[in-house]
PDB file of all heavy atoms in Angstrom:
ATOM      1  N   ASP A   1       0.133  -0.069   5.586  1.00  0.00           N
ATOM      2  CA  ASP A   1       0.786   0.683   6.836  1.00  0.00           C
ATOM      3  C   ASP A   1      -0.240   1.328   7.538  1.00  0.00           C
ATOM      4  O   ASP A   1      -0.222   1.292   8.817  1.00  0.00           O
ATOM      5  CB  ASP A   1       1.813   1.811   6.210  1.00  0.00           C
ATOM      6  CG  ASP A   1       2.523   2.497   7.252  1.00  0.00           C
ATOM      7  OD1 ASP A   1       3.358   1.934   7.834  1.00  0.00           O
ATOM      8  OD2 ASP A   1       2.130   3.725   7.432  1.00  0.00           O
ATOM      9  N   PHE A   2      -1.251   2.088   6.965  1.00  0.00           N
ATOM     10  CA  PHE A   2      -2.163   2.891   7.637  1.00  0.00           C
ATOM     11  C   PHE A   2      -2.989   2.044   8.449  1.00  0.00           C
ATOM     12  O   PHE A   2      -3.359   2.365   9.754  1.00  0.00           O
ATOM     13  CB  PHE A   2      -2.980   3.587   6.638  1.00  0.00           C
ATOM     14  CG  PHE A   2      -4.023   4.536   7.146  1.00  0.00           C
ATOM     15  CD1 PHE A   2      -3.643   5.958   7.354  1.00  0.00           C
ATOM     16  CD2 PHE A   2      -5.402   4.364   7.470  1.00  0.00           C
ATOM     17  CE1 PHE A   2      -4.351   6.924   7.907  1.00  0.00           C
ATOM     18  CE2 PHE A   2      -6.165   5.229   8.118  1.00  0.00           C
ATOM     19  CZ  PHE A   2      -5.740   6.473   8.256  1.00  0.00           C
ATOM     20  N   TYR A   3      -3.392   0.830   8.092  1.00  0.00           N
ATOM     21  CA  TYR A   3      -4.407  -0.069   8.757  1.00  0.00           C
ATOM     22  C   TYR A   3      -3.566  -1.141   9.517  1.00  0.00           C
ATOM     23  O   TYR A   3      -4.237  -2.069  10.048  1.00  0.00           O
ATOM     24  CB  TYR A   3      -5.370  -0.687   7.905  1.00  0.00           C
ATOM     25  CG  TYR A   3      -6.411   0.449   7.473  1.00  0.00           C
ATOM     26  CD1 TYR A   3      -6.453   0.854   6.195  1.00  0.00           C
ATOM     27  CD2 TYR A   3      -7.310   0.928   8.491  1.00  0.00           C
ATOM     28  CE1 TYR A   3      -7.366   1.802   5.795  1.00  0.00           C
ATOM     29  CE2 TYR A   3      -8.167   1.939   7.998  1.00  0.00           C
ATOM     30  CZ  TYR A   3      -8.260   2.290   6.729  1.00  0.00           C
ATOM     31  OH  TYR A   3      -9.162   3.351   6.303  1.00  0.00           O
ATOM     32  N   GLU A   4      -2.163  -1.213   9.519  1.00  0.00           N
ATOM     33  CA  GLU A   4      -1.419  -2.237  10.062  1.00  0.00           C
ATOM     34  C   GLU A   4      -1.760  -3.636   9.742  1.00  0.00           C
ATOM     35  O   GLU A   4      -2.073  -4.427  10.574  1.00  0.00           O
ATOM     36  CB  GLU A   4      -1.443  -2.051  11.645  1.00  0.00           C
ATOM     37  CG  GLU A   4      -0.905  -0.710  12.069  1.00  0.00           C
ATOM     38  CD  GLU A   4      -1.053  -0.358  13.623  1.00  0.00           C
ATOM     39  OE1 GLU A   4      -1.590  -1.174  14.229  1.00  0.00           O
ATOM     40  OE2 GLU A   4      -0.501   0.551  14.157  1.00  0.00           O
ATOM     41  N   MET A   5      -1.894  -3.741   8.351  1.00  0.00           N
ATOM     42  CA  MET A   5      -2.326  -5.077   7.863  1.00  0.00           C
ATOM     43  C   MET A   5      -1.128  -6.017   7.801  1.00  0.00           C
ATOM     44  O   MET A   5       0.061  -5.603   7.926  1.00  0.00           O
ATOM     45  CB  MET A   5      -2.893  -4.891   6.418  1.00  0.00           C
ATOM     46  CG  MET A   5      -4.024  -3.959   6.308  1.00  0.00           C
ATOM     47  SD  MET A   5      -5.507  -4.433   7.156  1.00  0.00           S
ATOM     48  CE  MET A   5      -6.053  -5.812   6.148  1.00  0.00           C
ATOM     49  N   GLU A   6      -1.392  -7.287   7.708  1.00  0.00           N
ATOM     50  CA  GLU A   6      -0.435  -8.365   7.659  1.00  0.00           C
ATOM     51  C   GLU A   6       0.460  -8.129   6.356  1.00  0.00           C
ATOM     52  O   GLU A   6      -0.146  -7.877   5.276  1.00  0.00           O
ATOM     53  CB  GLU A   6      -1.017  -9.673   7.742  1.00  0.00           C
ATOM     54  CG  GLU A   6      -1.624 -10.095   8.999  1.00  0.00           C
ATOM     55  CD  GLU A   6      -2.126 -11.448   8.931  1.00  0.00           C
ATOM     56  OE1 GLU A   6      -1.767 -12.274   7.962  1.00  0.00           O
ATOM     57  OE2 GLU A   6      -2.953 -11.909   9.861  1.00  0.00           O
ATOM     58  N   MET A   7       1.568  -8.419   6.518  1.00  0.00           N
ATOM     59  CA  MET A   7       2.598  -8.302   5.282  1.00  0.00           C
ATOM     60  C   MET A   7       2.070  -9.349   4.175  1.00  0.00           C
ATOM     61  O   MET A   7       1.734 -10.410   4.607  1.00  0.00           O
ATOM     62  CB  MET A   7       3.995  -8.757   5.680  1.00  0.00           C
ATOM     63  CG  MET A   7       5.003  -8.145   4.868  1.00  0.00           C
ATOM     64  SD  MET A   7       6.580  -8.418   5.590  1.00  0.00           S
ATOM     65  CE  MET A   7       7.679  -8.560   4.194  1.00  0.00           C
ATOM     66  N   GLY A   8       2.024  -8.898   3.121  1.00  0.00           N
ATOM     67  CA  GLY A   8       1.473  -9.701   1.983  1.00  0.00           C
ATOM     68  C   GLY A   8       0.061  -9.546   1.588  1.00  0.00           C
ATOM     69  O   GLY A   8      -0.468 -10.099   0.742  1.00  0.00           O
ATOM     70  N   ASN A   9      -0.739  -8.782   2.404  1.00  0.00           N
ATOM     71  CA  ASN A   9      -2.074  -8.345   2.140  1.00  0.00           C
ATOM     72  C   ASN A   9      -2.263  -7.709   0.713  1.00  0.00           C
ATOM     73  O   ASN A   9      -1.467  -6.737   0.432  1.00  0.00           O
ATOM     74  CB  ASN A   9      -2.680  -7.513   3.168  1.00  0.00           C
ATOM     75  CG  ASN A   9      -4.095  -6.958   2.809  1.00  0.00           C
ATOM     76  OD1 ASN A   9      -4.944  -7.753   2.654  1.00  0.00           O
ATOM     77  ND2 ASN A   9      -4.296  -5.739   2.649  1.00  0.00           N
ATOM     78  N   ARG A  10      -3.127  -8.169  -0.013  1.00  0.00           N
ATOM     79  CA  ARG A  10      -3.242  -7.594  -1.349  1.00  0.00           C
ATOM     80  C   ARG A  10      -4.850  -7.167  -1.646  1.00  0.00           C
ATOM     81  O   ARG A  10      -5.160  -6.695  -2.744  1.00  0.00           O
ATOM     82  CB  ARG A  10      -2.982  -8.631  -2.566  1.00  0.00           C
ATOM     83  CG  ARG A  10      -1.469  -9.056  -2.310  1.00  0.00           C
ATOM     84  CD  ARG A  10      -0.869  -9.625  -3.663  1.00  0.00           C
ATOM     85  NE  ARG A  10      -0.688  -8.553  -4.551  1.00  0.00           N
ATOM     86  CZ  ARG A  10       0.406  -7.720  -4.662  1.00  0.00           C
ATOM     87  NH1 ARG A  10       1.258  -7.802  -3.679  1.00  0.00           N
ATOM     88  NH2 ARG A  10       0.544  -6.822  -5.469  1.00  0.00           N
ATOM     89  N   SER A  11      -5.563  -7.019  -0.558  1.00  0.00           N
ATOM     90  CA  SER A  11      -7.001  -6.659  -0.681  1.00  0.00           C
ATOM     91  C   SER A  11      -7.197  -5.429   0.172  1.00  0.00           C
ATOM     92  O   SER A  11      -6.733  -5.195   1.279  1.00  0.00           O
ATOM     93  CB  SER A  11      -7.862  -7.766  -0.096  1.00  0.00           C
ATOM     94  OG  SER A  11      -9.194  -7.557  -0.256  1.00  0.00           O
ATOM     95  N   MET A  12      -8.034  -4.437  -0.551  1.00  0.00           N
ATOM     96  CA  MET A  12      -8.472  -3.241   0.138  1.00  0.00           C
ATOM     97  C   MET A  12      -9.923  -3.068   0.199  1.00  0.00           C
ATOM     98  O   MET A  12     -10.577  -3.273  -0.919  1.00  0.00           O
ATOM     99  CB  MET A  12      -7.716  -1.992  -0.599  1.00  0.00           C
ATOM    100  CG  MET A  12      -6.271  -2.044  -0.502  1.00  0.00           C
ATOM    101  SD  MET A  12      -5.592  -0.482  -1.250  1.00  0.00           S
ATOM    102  CE  MET A  12      -5.802  -0.822  -3.010  1.00  0.00           C
ATOM    103  N   ASP A  13     -10.508  -2.588   1.220  1.00  0.00           N
ATOM    104  CA  ASP A  13     -11.862  -2.243   1.312  1.00  0.00           C
ATOM    105  C   ASP A  13     -12.132  -0.873   0.924  1.00  0.00           C
ATOM    106  O   ASP A  13     -11.437  -0.042   1.181  1.00  0.00           O
ATOM    107  CB  ASP A  13     -12.342  -2.440   2.683  1.00  0.00           C
ATOM    108  CG  ASP A  13     -13.660  -2.001   2.988  1.00  0.00           C
ATOM    109  OD1 ASP A  13     -14.596  -2.869   2.815  1.00  0.00           O
ATOM    110  OD2 ASP A  13     -13.991  -0.772   3.270  1.00  0.00           O
ATOM    111  N   SER A  14     -13.131  -0.633  -0.023  1.00  0.00           N
ATOM    112  CA  SER A  14     -13.145   0.643  -0.673  1.00  0.00           C
ATOM    113  C   SER A  14     -13.626   1.754   0.259  1.00  0.00           C
ATOM    114  O   SER A  14     -12.979   2.825   0.219  1.00  0.00           O
ATOM    115  CB  SER A  14     -14.393   0.679  -1.679  1.00  0.00           C
ATOM    116  OG  SER A  14     -14.106  -0.364  -2.706  1.00  0.00           O
ATOM    117  N   GLU A  15     -14.365   1.523   1.297  1.00  0.00           N
ATOM    118  CA  GLU A  15     -14.733   2.474   2.240  1.00  0.00           C
ATOM    119  C   GLU A  15     -13.537   2.878   3.120  1.00  0.00           C
ATOM    120  O   GLU A  15     -13.254   3.966   3.499  1.00  0.00           O
ATOM    121  CB  GLU A  15     -15.874   1.959   3.246  1.00  0.00           C
ATOM    122  CG  GLU A  15     -17.183   1.984   2.541  1.00  0.00           C
ATOM    123  CD  GLU A  15     -18.286   1.572   3.414  1.00  0.00           C
ATOM    124  OE1 GLU A  15     -18.173   1.479   4.682  1.00  0.00           O
ATOM    125  OE2 GLU A  15     -19.413   1.226   2.968  1.00  0.00           O
ATOM    126  N   ARG A  16     -12.636   1.987   3.379  1.00  0.00           N
ATOM    127  CA  ARG A  16     -11.399   2.199   4.176  1.00  0.00           C
ATOM    128  C   ARG A  16     -10.436   2.923   3.213  1.00  0.00           C
ATOM    129  O   ARG A  16      -9.587   3.754   3.811  1.00  0.00           O
ATOM    130  CB  ARG A  16     -10.766   0.879   4.686  1.00  0.00           C
ATOM    131  CG  ARG A  16     -11.654   0.212   5.690  1.00  0.00           C
ATOM    132  CD  ARG A  16     -10.981  -1.073   6.154  1.00  0.00           C
ATOM    133  NE  ARG A  16     -10.377  -0.852   7.412  1.00  0.00           N
ATOM    134  CZ  ARG A  16      -9.501  -1.656   8.044  1.00  0.00           C
ATOM    135  NH1 ARG A  16      -9.203  -2.842   7.608  1.00  0.00           N
ATOM    136  NH2 ARG A  16      -8.946  -1.226   9.298  1.00  0.00           N
ATOM    137  N   ILE A  17     -10.485   2.765   1.940  1.00  0.00           N
ATOM    138  CA  ILE A  17      -9.519   3.591   1.023  1.00  0.00           C
ATOM    139  C   ILE A  17     -10.054   5.033   1.109  1.00  0.00           C
ATOM    140  O   ILE A  17      -9.241   5.932   1.243  1.00  0.00           O
ATOM    141  CB  ILE A  17      -9.611   2.936  -0.453  1.00  0.00           C
ATOM    142  CG1 ILE A  17      -8.966   1.848  -0.661  1.00  0.00           C
ATOM    143  CG2 ILE A  17      -8.990   4.217  -1.280  1.00  0.00           C
ATOM    144  CD1 ILE A  17      -9.330   1.068  -1.904  1.00  0.00           C
ATOM    145  N   SER A  18     -11.454   5.217   1.118  1.00  0.00           N
ATOM    146  CA  SER A  18     -11.979   6.628   1.244  1.00  0.00           C
ATOM    147  C   SER A  18     -11.454   7.277   2.498  1.00  0.00           C
ATOM    148  O   SER A  18     -11.100   8.481   2.569  1.00  0.00           O
ATOM    149  CB  SER A  18     -13.407   6.582   1.135  1.00  0.00           C
ATOM    150  OG  SER A  18     -13.988   6.160  -0.020  1.00  0.00           O
ATOM    151  N   TYR A  19     -11.601   6.545   3.579  1.00  0.00           N
ATOM    152  CA  TYR A  19     -11.241   7.109   4.953  1.00  0.00           C
ATOM    153  C   TYR A  19      -9.709   7.464   4.990  1.00  0.00           C
ATOM    154  O   TYR A  19      -9.321   8.468   5.514  1.00  0.00           O
ATOM    155  CB  TYR A  19     -11.529   6.091   6.145  1.00  0.00           C
ATOM    156  CG  TYR A  19     -11.104   6.641   7.428  1.00  0.00           C
ATOM    157  CD1 TYR A  19     -11.787   7.687   8.142  1.00  0.00           C
ATOM    158  CD2 TYR A  19     -10.047   6.275   8.114  1.00  0.00           C
ATOM    159  CE1 TYR A  19     -11.622   8.159   9.207  1.00  0.00           C
ATOM    160  CE2 TYR A  19      -9.635   6.687   9.278  1.00  0.00           C
ATOM    161  CZ  TYR A  19     -10.439   7.668   9.962  1.00  0.00           C
ATOM    162  OH  TYR A  19     -10.079   8.091  11.088  1.00  0.00           O
ATOM    163  N   MET A  20      -8.906   6.557   4.504  1.00  0.00           N
ATOM    164  CA  MET A  20      -7.505   6.781   4.408  1.00  0.00           C
ATOM    165  C   MET A  20      -7.064   8.004   3.698  1.00  0.00           C
ATOM    166  O   MET A  20      -6.297   8.811   4.038  1.00  0.00           O
ATOM    167  CB  MET A  20      -6.734   5.552   3.909  1.00  0.00           C
ATOM    168  CG  MET A  20      -5.164   5.756   3.784  1.00  0.00           C
ATOM    169  SD  MET A  20      -4.402   4.385   3.067  1.00  0.00           S
ATOM    170  CE  MET A  20      -4.799   4.680   1.271  1.00  0.00           C
ATOM    171  N   LEU A  21      -7.725   8.139   2.473  1.00  0.00           N
ATOM    172  CA  LEU A  21      -7.479   9.306   1.535  1.00  0.00           C
ATOM    173  C   LEU A  21      -7.901  10.611   2.328  1.00  0.00           C
ATOM    174  O   LEU A  21      -7.145  11.445   2.190  1.00  0.00           O
ATOM    175  CB  LEU A  21      -8.383   9.090   0.398  1.00  0.00           C
ATOM    176  CG  LEU A  21      -8.324  10.290  -0.646  1.00  0.00           C
ATOM    177  CD1 LEU A  21      -6.922  10.525  -1.169  1.00  0.00           C
ATOM    178  CD2 LEU A  21      -9.359  10.034  -1.954  1.00  0.00           C
ATOM    179  N   GLU A  22      -8.996  10.591   2.928  1.00  0.00           N
ATOM    180  CA  GLU A  22      -9.515  11.742   3.736  1.00  0.00           C
ATOM    181  C   GLU A  22      -8.404  12.139   4.722  1.00  0.00           C
ATOM    182  O   GLU A  22      -8.099  13.372   4.912  1.00  0.00           O
ATOM    183  CB  GLU A  22     -10.790  11.418   4.396  1.00  0.00           C
ATOM    184  CG  GLU A  22     -11.386  12.672   5.136  1.00  0.00           C
ATOM    185  CD  GLU A  22     -12.676  12.155   5.866  1.00  0.00           C
ATOM    186  OE1 GLU A  22     -13.549  11.434   5.361  1.00  0.00           O
ATOM    187  OE2 GLU A  22     -12.878  12.532   6.998  1.00  0.00           O
ATOM    188  N   GLN A  23      -7.863  11.226   5.505  1.00  0.00           N
ATOM    189  CA  GLN A  23      -6.856  11.510   6.487  1.00  0.00           C
ATOM    190  C   GLN A  23      -5.571  11.979   5.855  1.00  0.00           C
ATOM    191  O   GLN A  23      -4.910  12.866   6.408  1.00  0.00           O
ATOM    192  CB  GLN A  23      -6.555  10.224   7.321  1.00  0.00           C
ATOM    193  CG  GLN A  23      -7.720   9.627   8.089  1.00  0.00           C
ATOM    194  CD  GLN A  23      -8.426  10.725   8.964  1.00  0.00           C
ATOM    195  OE1 GLN A  23      -7.770  11.360   9.824  1.00  0.00           O
ATOM    196  NE2 GLN A  23      -9.699  10.915   8.750  1.00  0.00           N
ATOM    197  N   LEU A  24      -5.185  11.441   4.725  1.00  0.00           N
ATOM    198  CA  LEU A  24      -3.975  11.824   3.900  1.00  0.00           C
ATOM    199  C   LEU A  24      -4.204  13.225   3.365  1.00  0.00           C
ATOM    200  O   LEU A  24      -3.171  14.025   3.433  1.00  0.00           O
ATOM    201  CB  LEU A  24      -3.687  10.842   2.918  1.00  0.00           C
ATOM    202  CG  LEU A  24      -3.143   9.524   3.304  1.00  0.00           C
ATOM    203  CD1 LEU A  24      -3.002   8.593   2.184  1.00  0.00           C
ATOM    204  CD2 LEU A  24      -1.730   9.550   4.029  1.00  0.00           C
ATOM    205  N   LEU A  25      -5.362  13.456   2.982  1.00  0.00           N
ATOM    206  CA  LEU A  25      -5.549  14.893   2.374  1.00  0.00           C
ATOM    207  C   LEU A  25      -5.673  15.922   3.462  1.00  0.00           C
ATOM    208  O   LEU A  25      -5.171  17.025   3.206  1.00  0.00           O
ATOM    209  CB  LEU A  25      -6.895  14.892   1.585  1.00  0.00           C
ATOM    210  CG  LEU A  25      -6.894  14.043   0.197  1.00  0.00           C
ATOM    211  CD1 LEU A  25      -8.307  13.991  -0.364  1.00  0.00           C
ATOM    212  CD2 LEU A  25      -6.034  14.945  -0.790  1.00  0.00           C
ATOM    213  N   ASN A  26      -6.117  15.588   4.670  1.00  0.00           N
ATOM    214  CA  ASN A  26      -6.316  16.620   5.771  1.00  0.00           C
ATOM    215  C   ASN A  26      -5.119  16.690   6.696  1.00  0.00           C
ATOM    216  O   ASN A  26      -5.022  17.672   7.285  1.00  0.00           O
ATOM    217  CB  ASN A  26      -7.680  16.347   6.371  1.00  0.00           C
ATOM    218  CG  ASN A  26      -8.858  16.450   5.479  1.00  0.00           C
ATOM    219  OD1 ASN A  26      -8.775  17.286   4.572  1.00  0.00           O
ATOM    220  ND2 ASN A  26      -9.884  15.630   5.652  1.00  0.00           N
ATOM    221  N   GLY A  27      -4.467  15.612   6.879  1.00  0.00           N
ATOM    222  CA  GLY A  27      -3.314  15.634   7.834  1.00  0.00           C
ATOM    223  C   GLY A  27      -2.188  16.486   7.194  1.00  0.00           C
ATOM    224  O   GLY A  27      -1.732  16.059   6.063  1.00  0.00           O
TER     225      GLY A  27
END
């Protein structure tokens, strides 16, 4: 949802997980 990925995507980039987490913790 955060990165507007295609439906069915099952792969995550570790650096992008970190960035998303930072945004979720601070927003």
